Amino acid sequence: MLLALLLVALFVLIEAGVIEYAYGKLGISHRYVPPMHLLTLGGACINIPVYRLWSEQEVSAQPC
């Protein structure tokens, strides 16, 4: 269990470093990376429909 937590923590730290590097390449200061990341994750939870496709056949949701 402890090993799994350490691996998750290591993955998060590596991922944060990669994201910080990517934002740095875009010219965003490292001090703005955590708020930008949280805003990005929060914005991914909101779905704003931009365009609606109309079809002649109604598609019903069927369980897999």
N, C-alpha and C. Protein backbone atom coordinates (compact mmCIF):
# COMPACT_ATOMS: atom_id res chain seq x y z
N MET A 1 0.83 -1.19 0.00
CA MET A 1 0.00 0.00 0.00
C MET A 1 0.87 1.26 0.00
N LEU A 2 1.91 1.24 0.83
CA LEU A 2 2.82 2.38 0.91
C LEU A 2 3.55 2.58 -0.42
N LEU A 3 3.92 1.48 -1.04
CA LEU A 3 4.61 1.56 -2.33
C LEU A 3 3.69 2.19 -3.39
N ALA A 4 2.43 1.82 -3.37
CA ALA A 4 1.48 2.38 -4.33
C ALA A 4 1.33 3.88 -4.11
N LEU A 5 1.25 4.31 -2.86
CA LEU A 5 1.14 5.74 -2.57
C LEU A 5 2.39 6.50 -3.02
N LEU A 6 3.55 5.90 -2.81
CA LEU A 6 4.79 6.52 -3.25
C LEU A 6 4.86 6.63 -4.77
N LEU A 7 4.39 5.59 -5.47
CA LEU A 7 4.38 5.63 -6.93
C LEU A 7 3.42 6.69 -7.44
N VAL A 8 2.26 6.82 -6.81
CA VAL A 8 1.31 7.86 -7.20
C VAL A 8 1.90 9.24 -6.95
N ALA A 9 2.54 9.43 -5.80
CA ALA A 9 3.16 10.72 -5.49
C ALA A 9 4.27 11.03 -6.50
N LEU A 10 5.07 10.03 -6.85
CA LEU A 10 6.13 10.23 -7.84
C LEU A 10 5.54 10.61 -9.19
N PHE A 11 4.48 9.93 -9.59
CA PHE A 11 3.83 10.23 -10.86
C PHE A 11 3.30 11.66 -10.87
N VAL A 12 2.67 12.08 -9.78
CA VAL A 12 2.13 13.44 -9.68
C VAL A 12 3.24 14.47 -9.77
N LEU A 13 4.34 14.23 -9.09
CA LEU A 13 5.46 15.17 -9.13
C LEU A 13 6.07 15.25 -10.53
N ILE A 14 6.22 14.12 -11.19
CA ILE A 14 6.76 14.13 -12.56
C ILE A 14 5.80 14.84 -13.49
N GLU A 15 4.52 14.52 -13.35
CA GLU A 15 3.51 15.16 -14.21
C GLU A 15 3.48 16.67 -13.99
N ALA A 16 3.57 17.09 -12.74
CA ALA A 16 3.57 18.53 -12.44
C ALA A 16 4.79 19.20 -13.06
N GLY A 17 5.91 18.53 -13.05
CA GLY A 17 7.12 19.08 -13.67
C GLY A 17 6.97 19.21 -15.17
N VAL A 18 6.35 18.23 -15.80
CA VAL A 18 6.14 18.28 -17.25
C VAL A 18 5.17 19.40 -17.59
N ILE A 19 4.11 19.54 -16.81
CA ILE A 19 3.13 20.60 -17.06
C ILE A 19 3.76 21.96 -16.84
N GLU A 20 4.56 22.09 -15.79
CA GLU A 20 5.24 23.37 -15.53
C GLU A 20 6.19 23.72 -16.67
N TYR A 21 6.88 22.72 -17.19
CA TYR A 21 7.79 22.94 -18.31
C TYR A 21 7.01 23.40 -19.55
N ALA A 22 5.86 22.75 -19.80
CA ALA A 22 5.06 23.10 -20.97
C ALA A 22 4.53 24.54 -20.86
N TYR A 23 4.02 24.90 -19.68
CA TYR A 23 3.54 26.28 -19.49
C TYR A 23 4.71 27.27 -19.61
N GLY A 24 5.90 26.87 -19.13
CA GLY A 24 7.07 27.73 -19.26
C GLY A 24 7.44 27.98 -20.72
N LYS A 25 7.31 26.93 -21.55
CA LYS A 25 7.59 27.09 -22.98
C LYS A 25 6.58 28.02 -23.64
N LEU A 26 5.36 28.10 -23.06
CA LEU A 26 4.35 29.01 -23.59
C LEU A 26 4.55 30.43 -23.09
N GLY A 27 5.50 30.62 -22.17
CA GLY A 27 5.79 31.95 -21.66
C GLY A 27 5.02 32.31 -20.39
N ILE A 28 4.42 31.30 -19.75
CA ILE A 28 3.68 31.53 -18.51
C ILE A 28 4.61 31.27 -17.34
N SER A 29 4.66 32.20 -16.40
CA SER A 29 5.54 32.08 -15.25
C SER A 29 5.18 30.87 -14.40
N HIS A 30 6.20 30.30 -13.75
CA HIS A 30 5.97 29.10 -12.94
C HIS A 30 5.06 29.36 -11.75
N ARG A 31 4.93 30.60 -11.33
CA ARG A 31 4.07 30.88 -10.17
C ARG A 31 2.59 30.83 -10.55
N TYR A 32 2.28 30.90 -11.85
CA TYR A 32 0.90 30.83 -12.30
C TYR A 32 0.47 29.43 -12.73
N VAL A 33 1.38 28.47 -12.67
CA VAL A 33 1.07 27.11 -13.14
C VAL A 33 0.00 26.44 -12.28
N PRO A 34 0.12 26.40 -10.95
CA PRO A 34 -0.94 25.71 -10.18
C PRO A 34 -2.34 26.30 -10.37
N PRO A 35 -2.51 27.63 -10.33
CA PRO A 35 -3.87 28.14 -10.58
C PRO A 35 -4.36 27.85 -11.99
N MET A 36 -3.46 27.94 -12.98
CA MET A 36 -3.86 27.64 -14.36
C MET A 36 -4.27 26.18 -14.50
N HIS A 37 -3.53 25.30 -13.82
CA HIS A 37 -3.86 23.88 -13.90
C HIS A 37 -5.21 23.60 -13.25
N LEU A 38 -5.47 24.21 -12.10
CA LEU A 38 -6.76 24.01 -11.44
C LEU A 38 -7.90 24.59 -12.28
N LEU A 39 -7.69 25.74 -12.88
CA LEU A 39 -8.72 26.31 -13.75
C LEU A 39 -8.96 25.45 -14.98
N THR A 40 -7.90 24.87 -15.52
CA THR A 40 -8.04 23.98 -16.67
C THR A 40 -8.84 22.75 -16.30
N LEU A 41 -8.52 22.15 -15.15
CA LEU A 41 -9.27 20.97 -14.71
C LEU A 41 -10.71 21.32 -14.40
N GLY A 42 -10.94 22.47 -13.80
CA GLY A 42 -12.31 22.90 -13.51
C GLY A 42 -13.09 23.17 -14.77
N GLY A 43 -12.45 23.78 -15.75
CA GLY A 43 -13.12 24.06 -17.01
C GLY A 43 -13.45 22.81 -17.80
N ALA A 44 -12.69 21.75 -17.58
CA ALA A 44 -12.97 20.49 -18.27
C ALA A 44 -14.25 19.85 -17.76
N CYS A 45 -14.70 20.24 -16.59
CA CYS A 45 -15.94 19.69 -16.02
C CYS A 45 -17.18 20.37 -16.58
N ILE A 46 -17.00 21.49 -17.24
CA ILE A 46 -18.12 22.26 -17.78
C ILE A 46 -18.20 22.01 -19.27
N ASN A 47 -19.35 21.57 -19.72
CA ASN A 47 -19.55 21.29 -21.14
C ASN A 47 -20.50 22.34 -21.71
N ILE A 48 -19.98 23.21 -22.55
CA ILE A 48 -20.79 24.24 -23.19
C ILE A 48 -20.99 23.82 -24.64
N PRO A 49 -22.23 23.49 -25.01
CA PRO A 49 -22.47 23.07 -26.39
C PRO A 49 -22.28 24.24 -27.35
N VAL A 50 -21.44 24.05 -28.33
CA VAL A 50 -21.15 25.10 -29.30
C VAL A 50 -21.97 24.90 -30.56
N TYR A 51 -22.21 23.67 -30.91
CA TYR A 51 -22.91 23.36 -32.15
C TYR A 51 -23.73 22.10 -31.93
N ARG A 52 -24.93 22.07 -32.46
CA ARG A 52 -25.80 20.90 -32.30
C ARG A 52 -26.02 20.29 -33.68
N LEU A 53 -25.79 18.99 -33.76
CA LEU A 53 -26.04 18.25 -34.99
C LEU A 53 -27.44 17.66 -34.94
N TRP A 54 -28.17 17.83 -35.99
CA TRP A 54 -29.52 17.27 -36.08
C TRP A 54 -29.48 16.03 -36.96
N SER A 55 -30.15 15.00 -36.51
CA SER A 55 -30.24 13.79 -37.31
C SER A 55 -31.71 13.45 -37.48
N GLU A 56 -31.99 12.74 -38.54
CA GLU A 56 -33.38 12.34 -38.80
C GLU A 56 -33.77 11.13 -37.97
N GLN A 57 -32.81 10.36 -37.55
CA GLN A 57 -33.09 9.16 -36.77
C GLN A 57 -32.72 9.43 -35.32
N GLU A 58 -33.66 9.15 -34.43
CA GLU A 58 -33.43 9.34 -33.00
C GLU A 58 -32.56 8.20 -32.49
N VAL A 59 -31.50 8.54 -31.80
CA VAL A 59 -30.59 7.54 -31.26
C VAL A 59 -30.85 7.45 -29.76
N SER A 60 -31.13 6.23 -29.31
CA SER A 60 -31.39 6.04 -27.88
C SER A 60 -30.15 5.45 -27.23
N ALA A 61 -29.96 5.80 -25.98
CA ALA A 61 -28.82 5.28 -25.23
C ALA A 61 -29.11 3.84 -24.83
N GLN A 62 -28.23 2.96 -25.22
CA GLN A 62 -28.39 1.55 -24.88
C GLN A 62 -27.23 1.14 -23.99
N PRO A 63 -27.53 0.41 -22.92
CA PRO A 63 -26.43 -0.05 -22.05
C PRO A 63 -25.54 -1.03 -22.79
N CYS A 64 -24.28 -1.01 -22.46
CA CYS A 64 -23.30 -1.88 -23.13
C CYS A 64 -23.46 -3.31 -22.74
